[in-house]
Amino acid sequence: MIAKNLITDGIMPLKTSDTGRTALEWMEEYKVSHLPIVNNQEFLGLISELDIYDLDNFDEPLGNHKLSLKNPYVFDSQHIYNVLKLVNEQNLSLVPVLSEKGNYEGSISLQNLVKYFARSLSVNNPGGIIVLEMTYNDYSLTELAKIVEENDAKILSTFIINHEDSTRLDVFLKLNTVEISSILKTFERYDYFVKASYGEEDDLDDLKERYNSLMNYLNV
């Protein structure tokens, strides 16, 4: 998936002739805390809610103020992981998307990004979740899939969280079944450390709620 395919419909960029008050109203409407400033398809920078509150007069055009604007963006052909990296590094609520010629094409909101990864991680599909802790050298998706498939199940999605200042990591497996007790026993038999699991003992609505809480915690 590339950035161009995830541009959020309906988010209008600001112009230098727009006021700080207009910017705040649009931010509230779009549920973001940043907006791009664009003149004639030229991306001038990203203004934040905090930048606007620092202005002396909300009712003056933005172009009348000396603004120190952030200039983060991705090109429309870049992978969605580049968007996620920028959001994480600069704590952005949206990311401007430019063409290869440098023209502004639109923005990707954090909400749109979360929805995409929720679909990618099969959040809405019923199934159990297993969290394994292991070292980087012990990680093999092929081996994990083999164990799961030995128990007549499939891995729908997986992602990894690295422990800070460590070679250890947490591996999250979303499966296509909530009946995971036999899978857990097999992992334990192969000396894998099962850090957490959510399966047949959980109500499906509760399972989805737990998974959504996990995604909010990860800020994806």
N, C-alpha and C. Protein backbone atom coordinates (compact mmCIF):
# COMPACT_ATOMS: atom_id res chain seq x y z
N MET A 1 0.85 -1.19 0.00
CA MET A 1 0.00 0.00 0.00
C MET A 1 0.89 1.25 0.00
N ILE A 2 0.60 2.18 -0.91
CA ILE A 2 1.38 3.41 -0.98
C ILE A 2 0.56 4.59 -0.46
N ALA A 3 1.25 5.67 -0.15
CA ALA A 3 0.62 6.82 0.51
C ALA A 3 -0.56 7.38 -0.29
N LYS A 4 -0.43 7.44 -1.60
CA LYS A 4 -1.48 8.04 -2.43
C LYS A 4 -2.83 7.36 -2.22
N ASN A 5 -2.80 6.05 -1.96
CA ASN A 5 -4.05 5.29 -1.81
C ASN A 5 -4.73 5.51 -0.46
N LEU A 6 -4.06 6.18 0.46
CA LEU A 6 -4.64 6.38 1.79
C LEU A 6 -4.98 7.83 2.09
N ILE A 7 -4.92 8.70 1.09
CA ILE A 7 -5.26 10.10 1.30
C ILE A 7 -6.69 10.22 1.82
N THR A 8 -6.87 10.98 2.88
CA THR A 8 -8.18 11.13 3.52
C THR A 8 -9.02 12.16 2.77
N ASP A 9 -10.22 11.76 2.38
CA ASP A 9 -11.12 12.67 1.68
C ASP A 9 -11.63 13.75 2.64
N GLY A 10 -11.81 14.95 2.12
CA GLY A 10 -12.51 15.99 2.87
C GLY A 10 -11.67 16.89 3.74
N ILE A 11 -10.36 16.64 3.84
CA ILE A 11 -9.51 17.53 4.65
C ILE A 11 -8.94 18.62 3.75
N MET A 12 -9.42 19.84 3.95
CA MET A 12 -8.98 20.97 3.14
C MET A 12 -7.72 21.59 3.75
N PRO A 13 -6.74 21.94 2.92
CA PRO A 13 -5.56 22.63 3.44
C PRO A 13 -5.87 24.10 3.69
N LEU A 14 -5.13 24.70 4.60
CA LEU A 14 -5.24 26.13 4.84
C LEU A 14 -4.47 26.91 3.79
N LYS A 15 -4.85 28.17 3.62
CA LYS A 15 -4.09 29.10 2.79
C LYS A 15 -3.51 30.17 3.71
N THR A 16 -2.53 30.90 3.24
CA THR A 16 -1.93 31.96 4.07
C THR A 16 -2.95 33.07 4.35
N SER A 17 -4.00 33.15 3.55
CA SER A 17 -5.04 34.17 3.77
C SER A 17 -6.06 33.75 4.83
N ASP A 18 -6.03 32.47 5.23
CA ASP A 18 -6.94 32.00 6.28
C ASP A 18 -6.45 32.46 7.65
N THR A 19 -7.37 32.61 8.58
CA THR A 19 -7.02 33.08 9.92
C THR A 19 -6.76 31.91 10.87
N GLY A 20 -6.16 32.24 12.00
CA GLY A 20 -5.95 31.23 13.02
C GLY A 20 -7.26 30.67 13.54
N ARG A 21 -8.28 31.52 13.61
CA ARG A 21 -9.59 31.06 14.08
C ARG A 21 -10.17 30.02 13.12
N THR A 22 -10.03 30.29 11.82
CA THR A 22 -10.49 29.32 10.82
C THR A 22 -9.75 28.00 10.98
N ALA A 23 -8.45 28.09 11.20
CA ALA A 23 -7.64 26.88 11.37
C ALA A 23 -8.13 26.05 12.55
N LEU A 24 -8.42 26.70 13.67
CA LEU A 24 -8.90 25.99 14.86
C LEU A 24 -10.26 25.34 14.60
N GLU A 25 -11.13 26.06 13.88
CA GLU A 25 -12.46 25.51 13.57
C GLU A 25 -12.33 24.28 12.69
N TRP A 26 -11.44 24.34 11.70
CA TRP A 26 -11.25 23.19 10.81
C TRP A 26 -10.63 22.01 11.55
N MET A 27 -9.68 22.31 12.43
CA MET A 27 -9.06 21.23 13.20
C MET A 27 -10.11 20.50 14.04
N GLU A 28 -11.01 21.27 14.64
CA GLU A 28 -12.07 20.65 15.43
C GLU A 28 -12.99 19.82 14.54
N GLU A 29 -13.31 20.35 13.36
CA GLU A 29 -14.20 19.63 12.44
C GLU A 29 -13.56 18.34 11.94
N TYR A 30 -12.27 18.40 11.59
CA TYR A 30 -11.58 17.23 11.04
C TYR A 30 -11.02 16.30 12.12
N LYS A 31 -11.10 16.75 13.38
CA LYS A 31 -10.57 15.96 14.51
C LYS A 31 -9.07 15.70 14.36
N VAL A 32 -8.33 16.77 14.07
CA VAL A 32 -6.87 16.72 13.96
C VAL A 32 -6.29 17.88 14.77
N SER A 33 -5.00 17.83 15.02
CA SER A 33 -4.33 18.94 15.71
C SER A 33 -3.25 19.57 14.83
N HIS A 34 -3.23 19.20 13.55
CA HIS A 34 -2.33 19.80 12.57
C HIS A 34 -3.10 20.02 11.27
N LEU A 35 -2.69 21.03 10.50
CA LEU A 35 -3.22 21.22 9.15
C LEU A 35 -2.11 21.75 8.26
N PRO A 36 -2.09 21.34 6.99
CA PRO A 36 -1.09 21.87 6.06
C PRO A 36 -1.49 23.27 5.59
N ILE A 37 -0.50 24.10 5.33
CA ILE A 37 -0.73 25.39 4.68
C ILE A 37 -0.22 25.27 3.25
N VAL A 38 -1.10 25.56 2.30
CA VAL A 38 -0.80 25.34 0.88
C VAL A 38 -1.24 26.56 0.09
N ASN A 39 -0.39 27.04 -0.80
CA ASN A 39 -0.76 28.09 -1.74
C ASN A 39 -0.46 27.62 -3.16
N ASN A 40 -1.51 27.55 -3.98
CA ASN A 40 -1.35 27.12 -5.38
C ASN A 40 -0.59 25.80 -5.49
N GLN A 41 -1.00 24.81 -4.72
CA GLN A 41 -0.43 23.46 -4.69
C GLN A 41 0.97 23.39 -4.08
N GLU A 42 1.51 24.53 -3.63
CA GLU A 42 2.82 24.51 -2.98
C GLU A 42 2.64 24.31 -1.48
N PHE A 43 3.23 23.24 -0.97
CA PHE A 43 3.15 22.94 0.46
C PHE A 43 4.15 23.81 1.21
N LEU A 44 3.61 24.68 2.10
CA LEU A 44 4.46 25.61 2.83
C LEU A 44 4.88 25.09 4.19
N GLY A 45 4.11 24.18 4.74
CA GLY A 45 4.44 23.63 6.04
C GLY A 45 3.20 23.18 6.79
N LEU A 46 3.43 22.63 7.96
CA LEU A 46 2.35 22.09 8.79
C LEU A 46 2.22 22.95 10.04
N ILE A 47 1.01 23.46 10.27
CA ILE A 47 0.78 24.28 11.46
C ILE A 47 0.02 23.45 12.50
N SER A 48 0.39 23.60 13.75
CA SER A 48 -0.24 22.83 14.82
C SER A 48 -1.19 23.71 15.63
N GLU A 49 -2.01 23.06 16.41
CA GLU A 49 -2.93 23.77 17.31
C GLU A 49 -2.14 24.65 18.27
N LEU A 50 -1.01 24.14 18.77
CA LEU A 50 -0.19 24.92 19.70
C LEU A 50 0.40 26.15 19.03
N ASP A 51 0.78 26.02 17.75
CA ASP A 51 1.30 27.17 17.00
C ASP A 51 0.27 28.29 16.97
N ILE A 52 -0.99 27.92 16.75
CA ILE A 52 -2.05 28.91 16.62
C ILE A 52 -2.31 29.61 17.96
N TYR A 53 -2.30 28.83 19.05
CA TYR A 53 -2.53 29.43 20.36
C TYR A 53 -1.40 30.38 20.77
N ASP A 54 -0.26 30.27 20.12
CA ASP A 54 0.85 31.18 20.38
C ASP A 54 0.72 32.50 19.62
N LEU A 55 -0.24 32.59 18.69
CA LEU A 55 -0.41 33.81 17.91
C LEU A 55 -1.02 34.92 18.76
N ASP A 56 -0.66 36.17 18.45
CA ASP A 56 -1.21 37.32 19.18
C ASP A 56 -2.66 37.57 18.82
N ASN A 57 -3.02 37.31 17.57
CA ASN A 57 -4.37 37.62 17.09
C ASN A 57 -4.87 36.48 16.21
N PHE A 58 -5.91 35.78 16.66
CA PHE A 58 -6.46 34.65 15.90
C PHE A 58 -7.14 35.10 14.61
N ASP A 59 -7.54 36.38 14.56
CA ASP A 59 -8.36 36.84 13.43
C ASP A 59 -7.53 37.45 12.30
N GLU A 60 -6.23 37.47 12.44
CA GLU A 60 -5.37 37.94 11.35
C GLU A 60 -5.02 36.77 10.44
N PRO A 61 -4.80 37.04 9.14
CA PRO A 61 -4.37 35.96 8.23
C PRO A 61 -3.07 35.32 8.72
N LEU A 62 -2.96 34.03 8.51
CA LEU A 62 -1.76 33.31 8.94
C LEU A 62 -0.51 33.88 8.29
N GLY A 63 -0.66 34.37 7.06
CA GLY A 63 0.48 34.92 6.33
C GLY A 63 1.05 36.18 6.96
N ASN A 64 0.30 36.82 7.86
CA ASN A 64 0.78 38.03 8.52
C ASN A 64 1.71 37.72 9.70
N HIS A 65 1.77 36.45 10.08
CA HIS A 65 2.56 36.06 11.25
C HIS A 65 3.87 35.40 10.80
N LYS A 66 4.89 35.59 11.61
CA LYS A 66 6.14 34.86 11.39
C LYS A 66 5.99 33.48 12.02
N LEU A 67 5.88 32.48 11.18
CA LEU A 67 5.63 31.13 11.66
C LEU A 67 6.84 30.24 11.42
N SER A 68 7.19 29.47 12.43
CA SER A 68 8.24 28.46 12.27
C SER A 68 7.54 27.13 12.07
N LEU A 69 7.26 26.78 10.83
CA LEU A 69 6.44 25.62 10.52
C LEU A 69 7.27 24.35 10.36
N LYS A 70 6.73 23.25 10.87
CA LYS A 70 7.31 21.95 10.55
C LYS A 70 7.09 21.67 9.07
N ASN A 71 7.97 20.88 8.49
CA ASN A 71 7.83 20.59 7.07
C ASN A 71 7.85 19.08 6.78
N PRO A 72 7.09 18.29 7.55
CA PRO A 72 7.09 16.84 7.30
C PRO A 72 6.14 16.49 6.16
N TYR A 73 6.53 15.52 5.35
CA TYR A 73 5.65 15.06 4.27
C TYR A 73 6.19 13.73 3.76
N VAL A 74 5.36 13.04 2.98
CA VAL A 74 5.80 11.87 2.24
C VAL A 74 5.43 12.08 0.78
N PHE A 75 6.14 11.40 -0.11
CA PHE A 75 5.75 11.41 -1.52
C PHE A 75 4.66 10.38 -1.75
N ASP A 76 3.84 10.63 -2.76
CA ASP A 76 2.66 9.77 -2.99
C ASP A 76 3.03 8.32 -3.29
N SER A 77 4.26 8.07 -3.74
CA SER A 77 4.67 6.71 -4.10
C SER A 77 5.33 5.96 -2.94
N GLN A 78 5.51 6.63 -1.79
CA GLN A 78 6.18 5.99 -0.66
C GLN A 78 5.25 5.00 0.04
N HIS A 79 5.87 3.99 0.68
CA HIS A 79 5.10 2.95 1.35
C HIS A 79 4.44 3.50 2.61
N ILE A 80 3.34 2.86 2.99
CA ILE A 80 2.59 3.31 4.16
C ILE A 80 3.43 3.27 5.43
N TYR A 81 4.45 2.42 5.48
CA TYR A 81 5.33 2.37 6.66
C TYR A 81 6.09 3.69 6.83
N ASN A 82 6.39 4.37 5.73
CA ASN A 82 7.03 5.68 5.83
C ASN A 82 6.11 6.69 6.50
N VAL A 83 4.82 6.58 6.20
CA VAL A 83 3.82 7.46 6.84
C VAL A 83 3.78 7.18 8.34
N LEU A 84 3.71 5.92 8.69
CA LEU A 84 3.65 5.52 10.10
C LEU A 84 4.89 5.98 10.85
N LYS A 85 6.05 5.85 10.23
CA LYS A 85 7.32 6.26 10.85
C LYS A 85 7.30 7.76 11.15
N LEU A 86 6.79 8.55 10.20
CA LEU A 86 6.74 10.00 10.38
C LEU A 86 5.76 10.39 11.49
N VAL A 87 4.62 9.73 11.53
CA VAL A 87 3.63 9.98 12.59
C VAL A 87 4.24 9.70 13.95
N ASN A 88 4.95 8.59 14.06
CA ASN A 88 5.55 8.19 15.33
C ASN A 88 6.68 9.12 15.75
N GLU A 89 7.54 9.48 14.82
CA GLU A 89 8.71 10.30 15.14
C GLU A 89 8.34 11.73 15.51
N GLN A 90 7.31 12.28 14.84
CA GLN A 90 6.98 13.70 15.04
C GLN A 90 5.63 13.92 15.73
N ASN A 91 5.01 12.82 16.17
CA ASN A 91 3.75 12.91 16.91
C ASN A 91 2.71 13.72 16.13
N LEU A 92 2.45 13.31 14.90
CA LEU A 92 1.55 14.04 14.01
C LEU A 92 0.15 13.45 14.02
N SER A 93 -0.84 14.30 13.76
CA SER A 93 -2.22 13.83 13.62
C SER A 93 -2.59 13.66 12.15
N LEU A 94 -1.76 14.16 11.27
CA LEU A 94 -1.90 13.89 9.83
C LEU A 94 -0.57 14.10 9.13
N VAL A 95 -0.46 13.52 7.94
CA VAL A 95 0.79 13.60 7.17
C VAL A 95 0.46 14.10 5.76
N PRO A 96 1.06 15.23 5.33
CA PRO A 96 0.85 15.72 3.97
C PRO A 96 1.49 14.78 2.94
N VAL A 97 0.84 14.68 1.78
CA VAL A 97 1.32 13.83 0.69
C VAL A 97 1.60 14.72 -0.52
N LEU A 98 2.83 14.61 -1.06
CA LEU A 98 3.23 15.41 -2.22
C LEU A 98 3.47 14.51 -3.42
N SER A 99 3.28 15.08 -4.61
CA SER A 99 3.63 14.37 -5.84
C SER A 99 5.14 14.38 -6.00
N GLU A 100 5.63 13.62 -6.96
CA GLU A 100 7.08 13.59 -7.21
C GLU A 100 7.59 14.97 -7.66
N LYS A 101 6.69 15.80 -8.18
CA LYS A 101 7.06 17.16 -8.59
C LYS A 101 6.99 18.15 -7.42
N GLY A 102 6.53 17.66 -6.27
CA GLY A 102 6.47 18.51 -5.09
C GLY A 102 5.14 19.20 -4.87
N ASN A 103 4.13 18.88 -5.68
CA ASN A 103 2.81 19.49 -5.51
C ASN A 103 2.02 18.78 -4.41
N TYR A 104 1.26 19.57 -3.66
CA TYR A 104 0.44 19.00 -2.59
C TYR A 104 -0.72 18.22 -3.18
N GLU A 105 -0.91 16.98 -2.72
CA GLU A 105 -1.99 16.13 -3.23
C GLU A 105 -3.08 15.85 -2.21
N GLY A 106 -2.78 15.99 -0.94
CA GLY A 106 -3.74 15.70 0.11
C GLY A 106 -3.02 15.29 1.38
N SER A 107 -3.77 14.84 2.36
CA SER A 107 -3.18 14.43 3.64
C SER A 107 -3.77 13.11 4.11
N ILE A 108 -2.99 12.38 4.87
CA ILE A 108 -3.45 11.14 5.50
C ILE A 108 -3.63 11.41 6.99
N SER A 109 -4.85 11.24 7.48
CA SER A 109 -5.10 11.47 8.90
C SER A 109 -4.69 10.25 9.71
N LEU A 110 -4.40 10.48 10.99
CA LEU A 110 -4.05 9.39 11.89
C LEU A 110 -5.20 8.39 11.98
N GLN A 111 -6.44 8.89 11.96
CA GLN A 111 -7.61 8.01 12.01
C GLN A 111 -7.64 7.07 10.82
N ASN A 112 -7.34 7.60 9.63
CA ASN A 112 -7.33 6.78 8.42
C ASN A 112 -6.22 5.72 8.50
N LEU A 113 -5.10 6.12 9.07
CA LEU A 113 -3.97 5.21 9.21
C LEU A 113 -4.32 4.06 10.16
N VAL A 114 -4.97 4.40 11.27
CA VAL A 114 -5.38 3.37 12.23
C VAL A 114 -6.37 2.40 11.60
N LYS A 115 -7.33 2.93 10.83
CA LYS A 115 -8.32 2.07 10.17
C LYS A 115 -7.64 1.10 9.21
N TYR A 116 -6.64 1.60 8.48
CA TYR A 116 -5.94 0.73 7.53
C TYR A 116 -5.24 -0.41 8.26
N PHE A 117 -4.51 -0.09 9.33
CA PHE A 117 -3.79 -1.13 10.05
C PHE A 117 -4.74 -2.06 10.79
N ALA A 118 -5.89 -1.55 11.21
CA ALA A 118 -6.88 -2.42 11.84
C ALA A 118 -7.36 -3.47 10.85
N ARG A 119 -7.60 -3.05 9.60
CA ARG A 119 -7.99 -4.01 8.56
C ARG A 119 -6.85 -4.98 8.28
N SER A 120 -5.64 -4.46 8.21
CA SER A 120 -4.48 -5.31 7.90
C SER A 120 -4.24 -6.35 8.98
N LEU A 121 -4.54 -6.00 10.23
CA LEU A 121 -4.29 -6.90 11.35
C LEU A 121 -5.51 -7.75 11.71
N SER A 122 -6.52 -7.73 10.84
CA SER A 122 -7.72 -8.58 11.01
C SER A 122 -8.41 -8.35 12.34
N VAL A 123 -8.50 -7.08 12.74
CA VAL A 123 -9.13 -6.75 14.02
C VAL A 123 -10.57 -7.23 14.09
N ASN A 124 -11.31 -7.09 12.99
CA ASN A 124 -12.73 -7.43 13.00
C ASN A 124 -13.00 -8.92 12.78
N ASN A 125 -11.96 -9.69 12.48
CA ASN A 125 -12.15 -11.13 12.29
C ASN A 125 -12.15 -11.83 13.65
N PRO A 126 -13.11 -12.72 13.90
CA PRO A 126 -13.08 -13.47 15.16
C PRO A 126 -11.84 -14.37 15.21
N GLY A 127 -11.27 -14.50 16.38
CA GLY A 127 -10.09 -15.35 16.52
C GLY A 127 -9.32 -15.03 17.78
N GLY A 128 -8.55 -15.98 18.23
CA GLY A 128 -7.76 -15.80 19.44
C GLY A 128 -6.48 -15.02 19.18
N ILE A 129 -5.89 -14.55 20.27
CA ILE A 129 -4.63 -13.80 20.21
C ILE A 129 -3.64 -14.47 21.16
N ILE A 130 -2.44 -14.70 20.66
CA ILE A 130 -1.37 -15.26 21.49
C ILE A 130 -0.18 -14.31 21.43
N VAL A 131 0.37 -13.99 22.59
CA VAL A 131 1.56 -13.14 22.67
C VAL A 131 2.72 -13.98 23.19
N LEU A 132 3.77 -14.10 22.38
CA LEU A 132 4.95 -14.86 22.75
C LEU A 132 6.12 -13.91 22.98
N GLU A 133 6.91 -14.18 24.02
CA GLU A 133 8.14 -13.42 24.24
C GLU A 133 9.32 -14.31 23.93
N MET A 134 10.28 -13.77 23.16
CA MET A 134 11.44 -14.56 22.76
C MET A 134 12.59 -13.63 22.39
N THR A 135 13.75 -14.20 22.13
CA THR A 135 14.87 -13.42 21.63
C THR A 135 14.76 -13.27 20.12
N TYR A 136 15.46 -12.28 19.61
CA TYR A 136 15.46 -12.05 18.17
C TYR A 136 15.95 -13.28 17.42
N ASN A 137 16.97 -13.94 17.94
CA ASN A 137 17.54 -15.11 17.27
C ASN A 137 16.59 -16.30 17.25
N ASP A 138 15.67 -16.35 18.21
CA ASP A 138 14.72 -17.47 18.28
C ASP A 138 13.49 -17.26 17.39
N TYR A 139 13.34 -16.05 16.87
CA TYR A 139 12.12 -15.75 16.10
C TYR A 139 12.18 -16.37 14.71
N SER A 140 11.17 -17.14 14.38
CA SER A 140 11.01 -17.69 13.03
C SER A 140 9.51 -17.80 12.76
N LEU A 141 9.00 -16.97 11.87
CA LEU A 141 7.58 -17.01 11.56
C LEU A 141 7.20 -18.35 10.94
N THR A 142 8.11 -18.94 10.20
CA THR A 142 7.85 -20.25 9.60
C THR A 142 7.59 -21.30 10.68
N GLU A 143 8.42 -21.29 11.73
CA GLU A 143 8.25 -22.26 12.81
C GLU A 143 6.96 -22.01 13.60
N LEU A 144 6.65 -20.73 13.83
CA LEU A 144 5.42 -20.41 14.56
C LEU A 144 4.19 -20.84 13.76
N ALA A 145 4.22 -20.57 12.46
CA ALA A 145 3.09 -20.96 11.61
C ALA A 145 2.94 -22.48 11.57
N LYS A 146 4.06 -23.18 11.57
CA LYS A 146 4.02 -24.65 11.55
C LYS A 146 3.33 -25.19 12.80
N ILE A 147 3.65 -24.61 13.95
CA ILE A 147 3.02 -25.06 15.20
C ILE A 147 1.52 -24.78 15.19
N VAL A 148 1.15 -23.60 14.73
CA VAL A 148 -0.27 -23.24 14.66
C VAL A 148 -1.01 -24.16 13.70
N GLU A 149 -0.42 -24.41 12.53
CA GLU A 149 -1.08 -25.24 11.53
C GLU A 149 -1.15 -26.71 11.93
N GLU A 150 -0.23 -27.16 12.78
CA GLU A 150 -0.31 -28.52 13.33
C GLU A 150 -1.59 -28.73 14.14
N ASN A 151 -2.14 -27.61 14.61
CA ASN A 151 -3.37 -27.65 15.41
C ASN A 151 -4.58 -27.20 14.60
N ASP A 152 -4.48 -27.35 13.27
CA ASP A 152 -5.59 -27.05 12.35
C ASP A 152 -6.07 -25.60 12.46
N ALA A 153 -5.13 -24.68 12.59
CA ALA A 153 -5.47 -23.26 12.65
C ALA A 153 -4.54 -22.49 11.71
N LYS A 154 -4.84 -21.22 11.52
CA LYS A 154 -4.04 -20.36 10.65
C LYS A 154 -3.72 -19.06 11.38
N ILE A 155 -2.57 -18.47 11.03
CA ILE A 155 -2.23 -17.13 11.51
C ILE A 155 -2.83 -16.12 10.54
N LEU A 156 -3.74 -15.26 11.03
CA LEU A 156 -4.34 -14.22 10.19
C LEU A 156 -3.43 -13.00 10.06
N SER A 157 -2.77 -12.65 11.15
CA SER A 157 -1.86 -11.51 11.11
C SER A 157 -0.87 -11.62 12.26
N THR A 158 0.22 -10.90 12.13
CA THR A 158 1.24 -10.91 13.18
C THR A 158 1.98 -9.58 13.19
N PHE A 159 2.43 -9.16 14.35
CA PHE A 159 3.33 -8.01 14.42
C PHE A 159 4.24 -8.17 15.62
N ILE A 160 5.29 -7.38 15.64
CA ILE A 160 6.37 -7.55 16.62
C ILE A 160 6.63 -6.23 17.33
N ILE A 161 6.88 -6.31 18.63
CA ILE A 161 7.33 -5.15 19.40
C ILE A 161 8.68 -5.49 20.01
N ASN A 162 9.68 -4.68 19.70
CA ASN A 162 11.02 -4.88 20.27
C ASN A 162 11.09 -4.29 21.67
N HIS A 163 11.71 -5.01 22.60
CA HIS A 163 11.95 -4.47 23.93
C HIS A 163 13.08 -3.45 23.83
N GLU A 164 12.93 -2.33 24.52
CA GLU A 164 13.96 -1.30 24.50
C GLU A 164 15.24 -1.82 25.16
N ASP A 165 16.37 -1.49 24.54
CA ASP A 165 17.69 -1.86 25.07
C ASP A 165 17.80 -3.35 25.36
N SER A 166 17.26 -4.15 24.45
CA SER A 166 17.26 -5.60 24.65
C SER A 166 17.15 -6.30 23.31
N THR A 167 17.56 -7.57 23.29
CA THR A 167 17.40 -8.37 22.07
C THR A 167 16.10 -9.17 22.11
N ARG A 168 15.29 -8.93 23.14
CA ARG A 168 14.03 -9.66 23.26
C ARG A 168 12.91 -8.91 22.54
N LEU A 169 11.89 -9.66 22.17
CA LEU A 169 10.75 -9.06 21.48
C LEU A 169 9.48 -9.81 21.82
N ASP A 170 8.35 -9.12 21.65
CA ASP A 170 7.03 -9.73 21.80
C ASP A 170 6.44 -9.96 20.42
N VAL A 171 5.96 -11.17 20.19
CA VAL A 171 5.35 -11.54 18.91
C VAL A 171 3.86 -11.75 19.14
N PHE A 172 3.04 -10.96 18.45
CA PHE A 172 1.59 -11.05 18.57
C PHE A 172 1.04 -11.84 17.39
N LEU A 173 0.29 -12.89 17.69
CA LEU A 173 -0.31 -13.73 16.65
C LEU A 173 -1.83 -13.63 16.74
N LYS A 174 -2.48 -13.20 15.65
CA LYS A 174 -3.94 -13.23 15.58
C LYS A 174 -4.32 -14.47 14.77
N LEU A 175 -5.13 -15.35 15.36
CA LEU A 175 -5.46 -16.63 14.75
C LEU A 175 -6.89 -16.64 14.21
N ASN A 176 -7.21 -17.66 13.44
CA ASN A 176 -8.55 -17.76 12.84
C ASN A 176 -9.52 -18.56 13.70
N THR A 177 -9.14 -18.86 14.93
CA THR A 177 -10.00 -19.61 15.83
C THR A 177 -9.85 -19.09 17.25
N VAL A 178 -10.95 -19.17 18.02
CA VAL A 178 -10.86 -18.78 19.43
C VAL A 178 -10.51 -19.97 20.32
N GLU A 179 -10.51 -21.16 19.72
CA GLU A 179 -10.17 -22.38 20.48
C GLU A 179 -8.66 -22.60 20.41
N ILE A 180 -7.96 -21.99 21.34
CA ILE A 180 -6.50 -21.94 21.24
C ILE A 180 -5.78 -22.76 22.32
N SER A 181 -6.51 -23.47 23.15
CA SER A 181 -5.87 -24.19 24.26
C SER A 181 -4.84 -25.20 23.78
N SER A 182 -5.16 -25.94 22.71
CA SER A 182 -4.21 -26.94 22.21
C SER A 182 -2.98 -26.27 21.61
N ILE A 183 -3.18 -25.10 21.01
CA ILE A 183 -2.05 -24.36 20.42
C ILE A 183 -1.13 -23.87 21.54
N LEU A 184 -1.72 -23.37 22.61
CA LEU A 184 -0.93 -22.90 23.75
C LEU A 184 -0.09 -24.03 24.34
N LYS A 185 -0.70 -25.20 24.47
CA LYS A 185 0.03 -26.35 25.02
C LYS A 185 1.19 -26.75 24.12
N THR A 186 0.97 -26.66 22.80
CA THR A 186 2.05 -27.01 21.86
C THR A 186 3.19 -26.02 21.96
N PHE A 187 2.88 -24.73 22.04
CA PHE A 187 3.93 -23.72 22.20
C PHE A 187 4.73 -23.99 23.48
N GLU A 188 4.03 -24.29 24.55
CA GLU A 188 4.71 -24.56 25.82
C GLU A 188 5.56 -25.84 25.74
N ARG A 189 5.07 -26.82 24.99
CA ARG A 189 5.84 -28.06 24.83
C ARG A 189 7.15 -27.79 24.10
N TYR A 190 7.12 -26.81 23.18
CA TYR A 190 8.35 -26.45 22.45
C TYR A 190 9.14 -25.36 23.18
N ASP A 191 8.82 -25.14 24.45
CA ASP A 191 9.55 -24.20 25.32
C ASP A 191 9.43 -22.74 24.89
N TYR A 192 8.33 -22.38 24.26
CA TYR A 192 8.05 -20.96 24.00
C TYR A 192 7.41 -20.36 25.24
N PHE A 193 7.76 -19.10 25.53
CA PHE A 193 7.16 -18.41 26.67
C PHE A 193 5.91 -17.67 26.20
N VAL A 194 4.74 -18.15 26.66
CA VAL A 194 3.47 -17.51 26.31
C VAL A 194 3.23 -16.37 27.31
N LYS A 195 3.36 -15.16 26.83
CA LYS A 195 3.25 -13.99 27.70
C LYS A 195 1.79 -13.65 28.01
N ALA A 196 0.92 -13.85 27.03
CA ALA A 196 -0.51 -13.57 27.22
C ALA A 196 -1.29 -14.29 26.14
N SER A 197 -2.58 -14.51 26.41
CA SER A 197 -3.44 -15.15 25.40
C SER A 197 -4.88 -14.78 25.67
N TYR A 198 -5.66 -14.70 24.59
CA TYR A 198 -7.08 -14.40 24.66
C TYR A 198 -7.78 -15.34 23.69
N GLY A 199 -8.64 -16.21 24.22
CA GLY A 199 -9.23 -17.21 23.33
C GLY A 199 -10.61 -17.64 23.73
N GLU A 200 -10.82 -18.95 23.78
CA GLU A 200 -12.16 -19.50 23.91
C GLU A 200 -12.84 -19.14 25.22
N GLU A 201 -12.07 -18.83 26.26
CA GLU A 201 -12.70 -18.48 27.52
C GLU A 201 -13.24 -17.07 27.52
N ASP A 202 -12.92 -16.29 26.46
CA ASP A 202 -13.35 -14.90 26.39
C ASP A 202 -14.55 -14.76 25.48
N ASP A 203 -15.49 -13.93 25.87
CA ASP A 203 -16.57 -13.55 24.98
C ASP A 203 -15.98 -12.79 23.80
N LEU A 204 -16.53 -12.99 22.59
CA LEU A 204 -15.95 -12.38 21.39
C LEU A 204 -15.97 -10.86 21.46
N ASP A 205 -17.04 -10.29 22.04
CA ASP A 205 -17.08 -8.83 22.15
C ASP A 205 -15.98 -8.35 23.08
N ASP A 206 -15.75 -9.10 24.15
CA ASP A 206 -14.68 -8.75 25.08
C ASP A 206 -13.33 -8.89 24.42
N LEU A 207 -13.18 -9.91 23.58
CA LEU A 207 -11.94 -10.13 22.85
C LEU A 207 -11.64 -8.96 21.93
N LYS A 208 -12.68 -8.50 21.21
CA LYS A 208 -12.49 -7.37 20.30
C LYS A 208 -12.13 -6.11 21.09
N GLU A 209 -12.78 -5.94 22.25
CA GLU A 209 -12.50 -4.77 23.08
C GLU A 209 -11.05 -4.80 23.57
N ARG A 210 -10.59 -5.97 23.98
CA ARG A 210 -9.20 -6.11 24.44
C ARG A 210 -8.23 -5.80 23.30
N TYR A 211 -8.56 -6.29 22.11
CA TYR A 211 -7.67 -6.08 20.96
C TYR A 211 -7.62 -4.59 20.62
N ASN A 212 -8.79 -3.93 20.64
CA ASN A 212 -8.82 -2.50 20.34
C ASN A 212 -8.04 -1.72 21.40
N SER A 213 -8.13 -2.15 22.65
CA SER A 213 -7.36 -1.50 23.71
C SER A 213 -5.87 -1.67 23.46
N LEU A 214 -5.48 -2.84 22.99
CA LEU A 214 -4.08 -3.09 22.65
C LEU A 214 -3.62 -2.16 21.55
N MET A 215 -4.46 -1.98 20.50
CA MET A 215 -4.08 -1.11 19.39
C MET A 215 -3.96 0.33 19.85
N ASN A 216 -4.86 0.77 20.75
CA ASN A 216 -4.76 2.12 21.29
C ASN A 216 -3.48 2.29 22.09
N TYR A 217 -3.11 1.26 22.83
CA TYR A 217 -1.88 1.30 23.62
C TYR A 217 -0.66 1.44 22.73
N LEU A 218 -0.69 0.74 21.58
CA LEU A 218 0.44 0.79 20.65
C LEU A 218 0.45 2.07 19.85
N ASN A 219 -0.68 2.82 19.87
CA ASN A 219 -0.80 4.08 19.14
C ASN A 219 -0.56 3.88 17.66
N VAL A 220 -1.18 2.81 17.07
CA VAL A 220 -1.02 2.52 15.65
C VAL A 220 -2.17 3.11 14.90
